[in-house]
Amino acid sequence: MAYLQNVWKPRSRSILHLAPEKLLYDHLKDNDNRVTTADFDPKWYRDVDPDCRQEDATGFSFADASFDGVLANHVMEHIPDDKKAAGEIARVLKPGGRAILQTPYSTRLSKTLEDLSIDNPAEQARLFGQQDHIRIYALNDYLNRLSESGLEVQTVQQAEMGIPDVPFQPGEVIIVGFKRE
């Protein structure tokens, strides 16, 4: 939220919000943005937006360059072909658009830890931090994957957003991908 309020400040823009969070959705709508919500299983998000669309992030139905912005918080760690999803996000962004792509990551890992074959919630929680995750990213690896999709990637420190370091997530950065002009 701090990034939206203090850095980007989107107003009167077209936004694709994947797995929409109510607080962010309400903030975007309050600033005259045209917000399209979507998820692979939209029934979980009908309380946020009754019009939430069913979309597969690896093959959106949207035309090229449809949105000024994409929000996908804690989405990529669920998608088996995350590189294809990142490419789709880049495809639907307008030139100069931006995507906020937060995901759990580790600064200790040098390589992303993933295993698509694990179908055991307890083992997924042990390895990846949550029972429905299929990976835990190494931060630099995640940034490289996004860059390979055609996005120019930037990390924004909490101090740059005008907020102090959050005690339970010290040093966490906001991950932003820009569509090249």
N, C-alpha and C. Protein backbone atom coordinates (compact mmCIF):
# COMPACT_ATOMS: atom_id res chain seq x y z
N MET A 1 0.81 -1.18 0.00
CA MET A 1 0.00 0.00 0.00
C MET A 1 0.87 1.26 0.00
N ALA A 2 1.96 1.23 0.77
CA ALA A 2 2.83 2.40 0.84
C ALA A 2 3.38 2.76 -0.53
N TYR A 3 3.71 1.76 -1.35
CA TYR A 3 4.22 2.05 -2.69
C TYR A 3 3.15 2.75 -3.52
N LEU A 4 1.92 2.29 -3.43
CA LEU A 4 0.82 2.91 -4.18
C LEU A 4 0.55 4.33 -3.69
N GLN A 5 0.63 4.55 -2.40
CA GLN A 5 0.32 5.86 -1.83
C GLN A 5 1.46 6.86 -1.98
N ASN A 6 2.71 6.40 -1.84
CA ASN A 6 3.84 7.33 -1.75
C ASN A 6 4.74 7.38 -2.98
N VAL A 7 4.70 6.35 -3.83
CA VAL A 7 5.62 6.32 -4.96
C VAL A 7 4.87 6.39 -6.29
N TRP A 8 4.07 5.38 -6.57
CA TRP A 8 3.41 5.32 -7.88
C TRP A 8 2.21 6.26 -7.97
N LYS A 9 1.34 6.22 -6.98
CA LYS A 9 0.13 7.06 -6.91
C LYS A 9 -0.73 6.95 -8.17
N PRO A 10 -1.13 5.73 -8.55
CA PRO A 10 -1.92 5.59 -9.78
C PRO A 10 -3.29 6.26 -9.66
N ARG A 11 -3.64 7.03 -10.67
CA ARG A 11 -4.93 7.72 -10.73
C ARG A 11 -5.42 7.68 -12.17
N SER A 12 -6.67 7.28 -12.34
CA SER A 12 -7.30 7.22 -13.67
C SER A 12 -6.50 6.35 -14.62
N ARG A 13 -6.11 5.20 -14.16
CA ARG A 13 -5.35 4.25 -14.98
C ARG A 13 -6.12 2.94 -15.09
N SER A 14 -5.73 2.13 -16.06
CA SER A 14 -6.29 0.78 -16.19
C SER A 14 -5.35 -0.18 -15.47
N ILE A 15 -5.92 -0.93 -14.53
CA ILE A 15 -5.13 -1.81 -13.67
C ILE A 15 -5.70 -3.22 -13.72
N LEU A 16 -4.82 -4.21 -13.87
CA LEU A 16 -5.18 -5.61 -13.72
C LEU A 16 -4.69 -6.03 -12.34
N HIS A 17 -5.62 -6.47 -11.49
CA HIS A 17 -5.29 -6.87 -10.12
C HIS A 17 -5.56 -8.37 -9.98
N LEU A 18 -4.49 -9.14 -9.91
CA LEU A 18 -4.59 -10.60 -9.78
C LEU A 18 -4.68 -10.98 -8.31
N ALA A 19 -5.52 -11.97 -8.01
CA ALA A 19 -5.75 -12.40 -6.62
C ALA A 19 -5.95 -11.16 -5.76
N PRO A 20 -6.99 -10.39 -6.05
CA PRO A 20 -7.13 -9.05 -5.47
C PRO A 20 -7.31 -9.02 -3.96
N GLU A 21 -6.54 -8.14 -3.33
CA GLU A 21 -6.67 -7.87 -1.90
C GLU A 21 -7.63 -6.69 -1.75
N LYS A 22 -8.55 -6.81 -0.82
CA LYS A 22 -9.60 -5.80 -0.66
C LYS A 22 -9.05 -4.41 -0.39
N LEU A 23 -8.09 -4.28 0.49
CA LEU A 23 -7.54 -2.96 0.82
C LEU A 23 -6.95 -2.28 -0.41
N LEU A 24 -6.17 -3.03 -1.18
CA LEU A 24 -5.56 -2.45 -2.38
C LEU A 24 -6.61 -2.16 -3.45
N TYR A 25 -7.55 -3.08 -3.62
CA TYR A 25 -8.62 -2.89 -4.60
C TYR A 25 -9.41 -1.62 -4.27
N ASP A 26 -9.80 -1.47 -3.01
CA ASP A 26 -10.57 -0.29 -2.61
C ASP A 26 -9.77 0.99 -2.83
N HIS A 27 -8.49 0.96 -2.51
CA HIS A 27 -7.63 2.14 -2.72
C HIS A 27 -7.56 2.50 -4.21
N LEU A 28 -7.37 1.50 -5.05
CA LEU A 28 -7.29 1.75 -6.49
C LEU A 28 -8.60 2.33 -7.02
N LYS A 29 -9.73 1.73 -6.61
CA LYS A 29 -11.04 2.22 -7.06
C LYS A 29 -11.31 3.64 -6.56
N ASP A 30 -10.88 3.95 -5.35
CA ASP A 30 -11.09 5.29 -4.79
C ASP A 30 -10.32 6.37 -5.54
N ASN A 31 -9.33 5.96 -6.33
CA ASN A 31 -8.53 6.91 -7.09
C ASN A 31 -8.87 6.89 -8.58
N ASP A 32 -10.12 6.55 -8.88
CA ASP A 32 -10.66 6.62 -10.24
C ASP A 32 -9.95 5.71 -11.24
N ASN A 33 -9.33 4.65 -10.76
CA ASN A 33 -8.72 3.69 -11.68
C ASN A 33 -9.78 2.73 -12.20
N ARG A 34 -9.56 2.23 -13.40
CA ARG A 34 -10.41 1.19 -13.98
C ARG A 34 -9.73 -0.14 -13.63
N VAL A 35 -10.29 -0.84 -12.66
CA VAL A 35 -9.64 -2.04 -12.13
C VAL A 35 -10.35 -3.29 -12.64
N THR A 36 -9.59 -4.17 -13.25
CA THR A 36 -10.07 -5.49 -13.64
C THR A 36 -9.44 -6.48 -12.69
N THR A 37 -10.26 -7.28 -12.01
CA THR A 37 -9.73 -8.29 -11.11
C THR A 37 -9.82 -9.65 -11.78
N ALA A 38 -8.86 -10.51 -11.45
CA ALA A 38 -8.83 -11.83 -12.07
C ALA A 38 -8.06 -12.81 -11.20
N ASP A 39 -8.41 -14.08 -11.35
CA ASP A 39 -7.70 -15.15 -10.68
C ASP A 39 -8.03 -16.46 -11.38
N PHE A 40 -7.17 -17.44 -11.21
CA PHE A 40 -7.41 -18.76 -11.77
C PHE A 40 -8.69 -19.36 -11.20
N ASP A 41 -8.95 -19.07 -9.92
CA ASP A 41 -10.17 -19.54 -9.25
C ASP A 41 -10.84 -18.33 -8.59
N PRO A 42 -11.61 -17.55 -9.36
CA PRO A 42 -12.13 -16.27 -8.86
C PRO A 42 -13.15 -16.35 -7.74
N LYS A 43 -13.68 -17.54 -7.46
CA LYS A 43 -14.70 -17.62 -6.39
C LYS A 43 -14.14 -17.14 -5.05
N TRP A 44 -12.84 -17.24 -4.85
CA TRP A 44 -12.23 -16.81 -3.59
C TRP A 44 -12.22 -15.29 -3.45
N TYR A 45 -12.46 -14.59 -4.55
CA TYR A 45 -12.32 -13.13 -4.55
C TYR A 45 -13.61 -12.40 -4.85
N ARG A 46 -14.74 -13.11 -4.88
CA ARG A 46 -16.02 -12.48 -5.18
C ARG A 46 -16.42 -11.46 -4.11
N ASP A 47 -15.92 -11.63 -2.87
CA ASP A 47 -16.22 -10.65 -1.83
C ASP A 47 -15.45 -9.35 -2.05
N VAL A 48 -14.35 -9.41 -2.77
CA VAL A 48 -13.59 -8.20 -3.11
C VAL A 48 -14.24 -7.53 -4.31
N ASP A 49 -14.50 -8.32 -5.35
CA ASP A 49 -15.11 -7.80 -6.57
C ASP A 49 -16.01 -8.90 -7.15
N PRO A 50 -17.31 -8.69 -7.15
CA PRO A 50 -18.22 -9.72 -7.68
C PRO A 50 -17.96 -10.04 -9.16
N ASP A 51 -17.28 -9.14 -9.86
CA ASP A 51 -16.99 -9.33 -11.28
C ASP A 51 -15.60 -9.91 -11.53
N CYS A 52 -14.96 -10.45 -10.50
CA CYS A 52 -13.63 -11.03 -10.67
C CYS A 52 -13.68 -12.09 -11.77
N ARG A 53 -12.77 -11.95 -12.73
CA ARG A 53 -12.76 -12.83 -13.90
C ARG A 53 -11.89 -14.06 -13.69
N GLN A 54 -12.27 -15.14 -14.36
CA GLN A 54 -11.42 -16.33 -14.35
C GLN A 54 -10.39 -16.16 -15.46
N GLU A 55 -9.13 -16.16 -15.07
CA GLU A 55 -8.02 -16.00 -16.02
C GLU A 55 -6.86 -16.89 -15.59
N ASP A 56 -6.17 -17.42 -16.56
CA ASP A 56 -4.95 -18.18 -16.34
C ASP A 56 -3.80 -17.24 -16.65
N ALA A 57 -2.95 -16.97 -15.67
CA ALA A 57 -1.86 -16.01 -15.85
C ALA A 57 -0.84 -16.45 -16.90
N THR A 58 -0.89 -17.71 -17.32
CA THR A 58 0.04 -18.15 -18.37
C THR A 58 -0.57 -17.99 -19.76
N GLY A 59 -1.79 -17.46 -19.83
CA GLY A 59 -2.46 -17.26 -21.12
C GLY A 59 -3.67 -16.34 -20.97
N PHE A 60 -3.43 -15.08 -20.66
CA PHE A 60 -4.52 -14.13 -20.47
C PHE A 60 -5.35 -13.99 -21.74
N SER A 61 -6.63 -13.67 -21.56
CA SER A 61 -7.51 -13.40 -22.70
C SER A 61 -7.44 -11.93 -23.12
N PHE A 62 -6.69 -11.11 -22.41
CA PHE A 62 -6.60 -9.69 -22.70
C PHE A 62 -5.69 -9.41 -23.91
N ALA A 63 -6.00 -8.35 -24.61
CA ALA A 63 -5.18 -7.94 -25.76
C ALA A 63 -3.83 -7.41 -25.28
N ASP A 64 -2.87 -7.39 -26.18
CA ASP A 64 -1.57 -6.79 -25.90
C ASP A 64 -1.78 -5.35 -25.43
N ALA A 65 -0.91 -4.90 -24.53
CA ALA A 65 -0.88 -3.51 -24.07
C ALA A 65 -2.25 -3.02 -23.59
N SER A 66 -2.92 -3.82 -22.77
CA SER A 66 -4.25 -3.49 -22.26
C SER A 66 -4.23 -2.66 -20.98
N PHE A 67 -3.15 -2.74 -20.19
CA PHE A 67 -3.17 -2.16 -18.85
C PHE A 67 -1.97 -1.26 -18.58
N ASP A 68 -2.24 -0.20 -17.80
CA ASP A 68 -1.16 0.68 -17.33
C ASP A 68 -0.40 0.03 -16.18
N GLY A 69 -1.07 -0.86 -15.46
CA GLY A 69 -0.44 -1.49 -14.32
C GLY A 69 -1.01 -2.86 -14.05
N VAL A 70 -0.19 -3.71 -13.42
CA VAL A 70 -0.60 -5.04 -12.97
C VAL A 70 -0.14 -5.19 -11.53
N LEU A 71 -1.04 -5.65 -10.68
CA LEU A 71 -0.68 -6.00 -9.31
C LEU A 71 -0.84 -7.50 -9.17
N ALA A 72 0.22 -8.17 -8.76
CA ALA A 72 0.19 -9.61 -8.54
C ALA A 72 1.00 -9.90 -7.28
N ASN A 73 0.36 -9.71 -6.16
CA ASN A 73 1.01 -9.94 -4.87
C ASN A 73 0.80 -11.38 -4.43
N HIS A 74 1.91 -12.06 -4.21
CA HIS A 74 1.89 -13.45 -3.73
C HIS A 74 1.08 -14.35 -4.68
N VAL A 75 1.45 -14.27 -5.94
CA VAL A 75 0.82 -15.04 -7.00
C VAL A 75 1.84 -15.98 -7.66
N MET A 76 3.00 -15.46 -7.99
CA MET A 76 3.97 -16.19 -8.81
C MET A 76 4.45 -17.50 -8.18
N GLU A 77 4.50 -17.56 -6.86
CA GLU A 77 4.97 -18.78 -6.19
C GLU A 77 3.98 -19.93 -6.28
N HIS A 78 2.80 -19.66 -6.84
CA HIS A 78 1.76 -20.69 -7.02
C HIS A 78 1.71 -21.23 -8.45
N ILE A 79 2.32 -20.54 -9.39
CA ILE A 79 2.15 -20.83 -10.82
C ILE A 79 3.27 -21.74 -11.32
N PRO A 80 2.94 -22.93 -11.81
CA PRO A 80 3.99 -23.84 -12.28
C PRO A 80 4.91 -23.22 -13.34
N ASP A 81 4.37 -22.56 -14.34
CA ASP A 81 5.20 -21.94 -15.37
C ASP A 81 5.26 -20.43 -15.13
N ASP A 82 6.01 -20.06 -14.08
CA ASP A 82 6.08 -18.66 -13.68
C ASP A 82 6.73 -17.78 -14.75
N LYS A 83 7.63 -18.35 -15.53
CA LYS A 83 8.27 -17.55 -16.60
C LYS A 83 7.25 -17.18 -17.68
N LYS A 84 6.38 -18.11 -18.00
CA LYS A 84 5.33 -17.82 -18.97
C LYS A 84 4.37 -16.77 -18.41
N ALA A 85 4.04 -16.87 -17.14
CA ALA A 85 3.15 -15.89 -16.50
C ALA A 85 3.80 -14.50 -16.52
N ALA A 86 5.08 -14.43 -16.23
CA ALA A 86 5.78 -13.13 -16.27
C ALA A 86 5.75 -12.56 -17.68
N GLY A 87 5.90 -13.42 -18.68
CA GLY A 87 5.82 -12.97 -20.06
C GLY A 87 4.44 -12.45 -20.42
N GLU A 88 3.40 -13.09 -19.89
CA GLU A 88 2.03 -12.63 -20.13
C GLU A 88 1.79 -11.28 -19.45
N ILE A 89 2.32 -11.12 -18.26
CA ILE A 89 2.19 -9.82 -17.57
C ILE A 89 2.85 -8.74 -18.40
N ALA A 90 4.05 -9.02 -18.90
CA ALA A 90 4.74 -8.04 -19.76
C ALA A 90 3.92 -7.76 -21.02
N ARG A 91 3.32 -8.78 -21.59
CA ARG A 91 2.55 -8.62 -22.83
C ARG A 91 1.35 -7.70 -22.65
N VAL A 92 0.62 -7.84 -21.52
CA VAL A 92 -0.60 -7.05 -21.35
C VAL A 92 -0.34 -5.65 -20.81
N LEU A 93 0.90 -5.38 -20.40
CA LEU A 93 1.24 -4.02 -19.96
C LEU A 93 1.43 -3.11 -21.16
N LYS A 94 0.97 -1.88 -21.01
CA LYS A 94 1.23 -0.86 -22.02
C LYS A 94 2.70 -0.44 -21.91
N PRO A 95 3.30 0.04 -23.00
CA PRO A 95 4.66 0.58 -22.88
C PRO A 95 4.69 1.66 -21.80
N GLY A 96 5.67 1.57 -20.93
CA GLY A 96 5.78 2.49 -19.81
C GLY A 96 4.99 2.05 -18.59
N GLY A 97 4.20 0.95 -18.72
CA GLY A 97 3.41 0.46 -17.59
C GLY A 97 4.28 -0.23 -16.56
N ARG A 98 3.70 -0.47 -15.41
CA ARG A 98 4.46 -1.13 -14.35
C ARG A 98 3.65 -2.24 -13.70
N ALA A 99 4.38 -3.23 -13.19
CA ALA A 99 3.77 -4.36 -12.49
C ALA A 99 4.42 -4.48 -11.12
N ILE A 100 3.60 -4.55 -10.10
CA ILE A 100 4.08 -4.81 -8.75
C ILE A 100 3.93 -6.31 -8.55
N LEU A 101 5.06 -6.99 -8.31
CA LEU A 101 5.11 -8.45 -8.34
C LEU A 101 5.72 -9.02 -7.06
N GLN A 102 5.10 -8.71 -5.93
CA GLN A 102 5.60 -9.21 -4.65
C GLN A 102 5.44 -10.72 -4.57
N THR A 103 6.40 -11.34 -3.94
CA THR A 103 6.37 -12.78 -3.72
C THR A 103 7.27 -13.11 -2.54
N PRO A 104 7.03 -14.20 -1.84
CA PRO A 104 7.99 -14.60 -0.81
C PRO A 104 9.34 -14.92 -1.46
N TYR A 105 10.39 -14.48 -0.82
CA TYR A 105 11.73 -14.76 -1.35
C TYR A 105 12.71 -14.89 -0.20
N SER A 106 13.86 -15.45 -0.54
CA SER A 106 14.93 -15.60 0.43
C SER A 106 16.16 -14.87 -0.08
N THR A 107 16.82 -14.15 0.81
CA THR A 107 18.09 -13.53 0.44
C THR A 107 19.25 -14.47 0.75
N ARG A 108 18.95 -15.59 1.41
CA ARG A 108 19.98 -16.57 1.74
C ARG A 108 20.23 -17.57 0.61
N LEU A 109 19.18 -17.85 -0.16
CA LEU A 109 19.33 -18.81 -1.25
C LEU A 109 20.03 -18.16 -2.43
N SER A 110 20.86 -18.92 -3.11
CA SER A 110 21.49 -18.42 -4.33
C SER A 110 20.69 -18.84 -5.56
N LYS A 111 19.84 -19.83 -5.39
CA LYS A 111 19.01 -20.34 -6.48
C LYS A 111 17.63 -20.65 -5.92
N THR A 112 16.61 -20.41 -6.71
CA THR A 112 15.24 -20.69 -6.31
C THR A 112 15.09 -22.17 -6.01
N LEU A 113 14.40 -22.47 -4.93
CA LEU A 113 14.11 -23.84 -4.54
C LEU A 113 12.68 -24.15 -4.99
N GLU A 114 12.55 -25.10 -5.90
CA GLU A 114 11.21 -25.45 -6.41
C GLU A 114 11.16 -26.91 -6.77
N ASP A 115 9.95 -27.44 -6.66
CA ASP A 115 9.73 -28.82 -7.05
C ASP A 115 8.24 -28.96 -7.36
N LEU A 116 7.92 -28.98 -8.64
CA LEU A 116 6.54 -29.03 -9.08
C LEU A 116 5.89 -30.39 -8.81
N SER A 117 6.69 -31.39 -8.54
CA SER A 117 6.14 -32.74 -8.35
C SER A 117 5.62 -32.98 -6.93
N ILE A 118 5.97 -32.14 -5.99
CA ILE A 118 5.52 -32.35 -4.61
C ILE A 118 4.03 -32.02 -4.51
N ASP A 119 3.26 -32.98 -4.07
CA ASP A 119 1.82 -32.80 -3.90
C ASP A 119 1.44 -33.18 -2.47
N ASN A 120 2.18 -32.61 -1.54
CA ASN A 120 1.98 -32.90 -0.13
C ASN A 120 2.03 -31.56 0.61
N PRO A 121 0.89 -31.07 1.09
CA PRO A 121 0.84 -29.75 1.73
C PRO A 121 1.84 -29.57 2.87
N ALA A 122 2.04 -30.58 3.68
CA ALA A 122 2.99 -30.45 4.79
C ALA A 122 4.41 -30.28 4.28
N GLU A 123 4.77 -31.03 3.24
CA GLU A 123 6.11 -30.92 2.67
C GLU A 123 6.27 -29.58 1.95
N GLN A 124 5.23 -29.13 1.27
CA GLN A 124 5.28 -27.82 0.61
C GLN A 124 5.47 -26.71 1.65
N ALA A 125 4.76 -26.80 2.76
CA ALA A 125 4.90 -25.80 3.83
C ALA A 125 6.31 -25.83 4.40
N ARG A 126 6.85 -27.02 4.59
CA ARG A 126 8.20 -27.15 5.14
C ARG A 126 9.25 -26.56 4.20
N LEU A 127 9.13 -26.88 2.92
CA LEU A 127 10.15 -26.43 1.96
C LEU A 127 9.96 -25.00 1.47
N PHE A 128 8.70 -24.61 1.26
CA PHE A 128 8.44 -23.35 0.56
C PHE A 128 7.73 -22.31 1.41
N GLY A 129 7.38 -22.67 2.66
CA GLY A 129 6.81 -21.69 3.57
C GLY A 129 5.30 -21.66 3.64
N GLN A 130 4.63 -22.35 2.74
CA GLN A 130 3.17 -22.41 2.78
C GLN A 130 2.72 -23.67 2.04
N GLN A 131 1.60 -24.23 2.46
CA GLN A 131 1.18 -25.54 1.95
C GLN A 131 0.76 -25.55 0.49
N ASP A 132 0.51 -24.40 -0.12
CA ASP A 132 0.12 -24.39 -1.53
C ASP A 132 1.17 -23.73 -2.43
N HIS A 133 2.36 -23.47 -1.89
CA HIS A 133 3.45 -22.91 -2.70
C HIS A 133 4.21 -24.04 -3.38
N ILE A 134 4.76 -23.74 -4.54
CA ILE A 134 5.57 -24.73 -5.24
C ILE A 134 7.03 -24.31 -5.36
N ARG A 135 7.34 -23.14 -4.77
CA ARG A 135 8.73 -22.67 -4.78
C ARG A 135 8.91 -21.59 -3.74
N ILE A 136 10.18 -21.39 -3.38
CA ILE A 136 10.61 -20.20 -2.65
C ILE A 136 11.74 -19.62 -3.49
N TYR A 137 11.56 -18.38 -3.88
CA TYR A 137 12.52 -17.75 -4.77
C TYR A 137 13.77 -17.29 -4.03
N ALA A 138 14.90 -17.39 -4.72
CA ALA A 138 16.07 -16.62 -4.35
C ALA A 138 15.83 -15.25 -4.98
N LEU A 139 16.03 -14.19 -4.23
CA LEU A 139 15.65 -12.86 -4.72
C LEU A 139 16.29 -12.55 -6.07
N ASN A 140 17.59 -12.72 -6.19
CA ASN A 140 18.25 -12.39 -7.47
C ASN A 140 17.75 -13.26 -8.61
N ASP A 141 17.47 -14.52 -8.33
CA ASP A 141 16.93 -15.42 -9.35
C ASP A 141 15.56 -14.92 -9.81
N TYR A 142 14.72 -14.52 -8.87
CA TYR A 142 13.39 -14.01 -9.21
C TYR A 142 13.51 -12.76 -10.09
N LEU A 143 14.37 -11.86 -9.71
CA LEU A 143 14.57 -10.64 -10.50
C LEU A 143 15.05 -10.98 -11.91
N ASN A 144 15.93 -11.96 -12.03
CA ASN A 144 16.41 -12.39 -13.36
C ASN A 144 15.29 -13.00 -14.18
N ARG A 145 14.45 -13.82 -13.57
CA ARG A 145 13.32 -14.43 -14.29
C ARG A 145 12.39 -13.34 -14.84
N LEU A 146 12.12 -12.33 -14.03
CA LEU A 146 11.26 -11.24 -14.48
C LEU A 146 11.93 -10.46 -15.61
N SER A 147 13.22 -10.22 -15.50
CA SER A 147 13.95 -9.51 -16.56
C SER A 147 13.91 -10.28 -17.88
N GLU A 148 14.05 -11.59 -17.79
CA GLU A 148 14.02 -12.42 -18.99
C GLU A 148 12.67 -12.38 -19.68
N SER A 149 11.62 -12.00 -18.95
CA SER A 149 10.28 -11.94 -19.53
C SER A 149 10.04 -10.67 -20.33
N GLY A 150 10.99 -9.75 -20.29
CA GLY A 150 10.83 -8.50 -21.01
C GLY A 150 10.53 -7.31 -20.13
N LEU A 151 10.60 -7.50 -18.82
CA LEU A 151 10.37 -6.39 -17.90
C LEU A 151 11.70 -5.81 -17.44
N GLU A 152 11.73 -4.51 -17.26
CA GLU A 152 12.86 -3.87 -16.62
C GLU A 152 12.54 -3.86 -15.13
N VAL A 153 13.37 -4.51 -14.33
CA VAL A 153 13.05 -4.75 -12.94
C VAL A 153 13.77 -3.76 -12.02
N GLN A 154 13.02 -3.32 -11.01
CA GLN A 154 13.56 -2.40 -10.02
C GLN A 154 13.09 -2.86 -8.65
N THR A 155 13.93 -2.71 -7.66
CA THR A 155 13.51 -2.96 -6.28
C THR A 155 13.45 -1.61 -5.57
N VAL A 156 12.46 -1.46 -4.72
CA VAL A 156 12.26 -0.22 -3.99
C VAL A 156 12.35 -0.53 -2.50
N GLN A 157 13.26 0.15 -1.82
CA GLN A 157 13.44 -0.03 -0.39
C GLN A 157 12.30 0.63 0.37
N GLN A 158 12.00 0.12 1.55
CA GLN A 158 10.93 0.69 2.36
C GLN A 158 11.18 2.18 2.65
N ALA A 159 12.41 2.55 2.90
CA ALA A 159 12.72 3.96 3.19
C ALA A 159 12.37 4.87 2.01
N GLU A 160 12.50 4.35 0.77
CA GLU A 160 12.14 5.14 -0.41
C GLU A 160 10.64 5.37 -0.51
N MET A 161 9.86 4.58 0.22
CA MET A 161 8.41 4.73 0.21
C MET A 161 7.94 5.63 1.34
N GLY A 162 8.89 6.16 2.12
CA GLY A 162 8.51 7.04 3.20
C GLY A 162 8.04 6.33 4.45
N ILE A 163 8.40 5.05 4.57
CA ILE A 163 8.03 4.31 5.78
C ILE A 163 9.28 3.69 6.39
N PRO A 164 9.28 3.54 7.71
CA PRO A 164 10.44 2.88 8.33
C PRO A 164 10.43 1.39 8.01
N ASP A 165 11.57 0.76 8.24
CA ASP A 165 11.67 -0.70 8.06
C ASP A 165 10.62 -1.38 8.93
N VAL A 166 9.85 -2.28 8.33
CA VAL A 166 8.82 -2.99 9.08
C VAL A 166 9.51 -4.09 9.89
N PRO A 167 9.29 -4.12 11.21
CA PRO A 167 10.04 -5.06 12.06
C PRO A 167 9.91 -6.53 11.67
N PHE A 168 8.73 -6.97 11.21
CA PHE A 168 8.58 -8.39 10.90
C PHE A 168 9.07 -8.72 9.49
N GLN A 169 9.43 -7.71 8.71
CA GLN A 169 9.99 -7.94 7.37
C GLN A 169 11.14 -6.96 7.12
N PRO A 170 12.15 -6.97 7.98
CA PRO A 170 13.22 -5.99 7.81
C PRO A 170 13.92 -6.15 6.46
N GLY A 171 14.09 -5.04 5.79
CA GLY A 171 14.81 -5.05 4.52
C GLY A 171 14.01 -5.52 3.33
N GLU A 172 12.74 -5.90 3.51
CA GLU A 172 11.96 -6.36 2.36
C GLU A 172 11.84 -5.24 1.34
N VAL A 173 11.95 -5.61 0.08
CA VAL A 173 11.85 -4.63 -0.99
C VAL A 173 10.56 -4.85 -1.77
N ILE A 174 10.09 -3.80 -2.41
CA ILE A 174 8.97 -3.90 -3.34
C ILE A 174 9.58 -4.21 -4.71
N ILE A 175 9.02 -5.19 -5.39
CA ILE A 175 9.56 -5.63 -6.68
C ILE A 175 8.64 -5.10 -7.78
N VAL A 176 9.21 -4.27 -8.65
CA VAL A 176 8.45 -3.60 -9.68
C VAL A 176 9.07 -3.90 -11.04
N GLY A 177 8.23 -4.30 -11.98
CA GLY A 177 8.67 -4.52 -13.36
C GLY A 177 8.07 -3.45 -14.25
N PHE A 178 8.88 -2.84 -15.10
CA PHE A 178 8.43 -1.81 -16.03
C PHE A 178 8.45 -2.35 -17.45
N LYS A 179 7.44 -2.03 -18.20
CA LYS A 179 7.40 -2.40 -19.63
C LYS A 179 8.19 -1.33 -20.38
N ARG A 180 9.18 -1.78 -21.10
CA ARG A 180 10.00 -0.83 -21.86
C ARG A 180 9.17 -0.10 -22.89
N GLU A 181 9.49 1.15 -23.08
CA GLU A 181 8.75 1.99 -24.06
C GLU A 181 9.10 1.56 -25.47
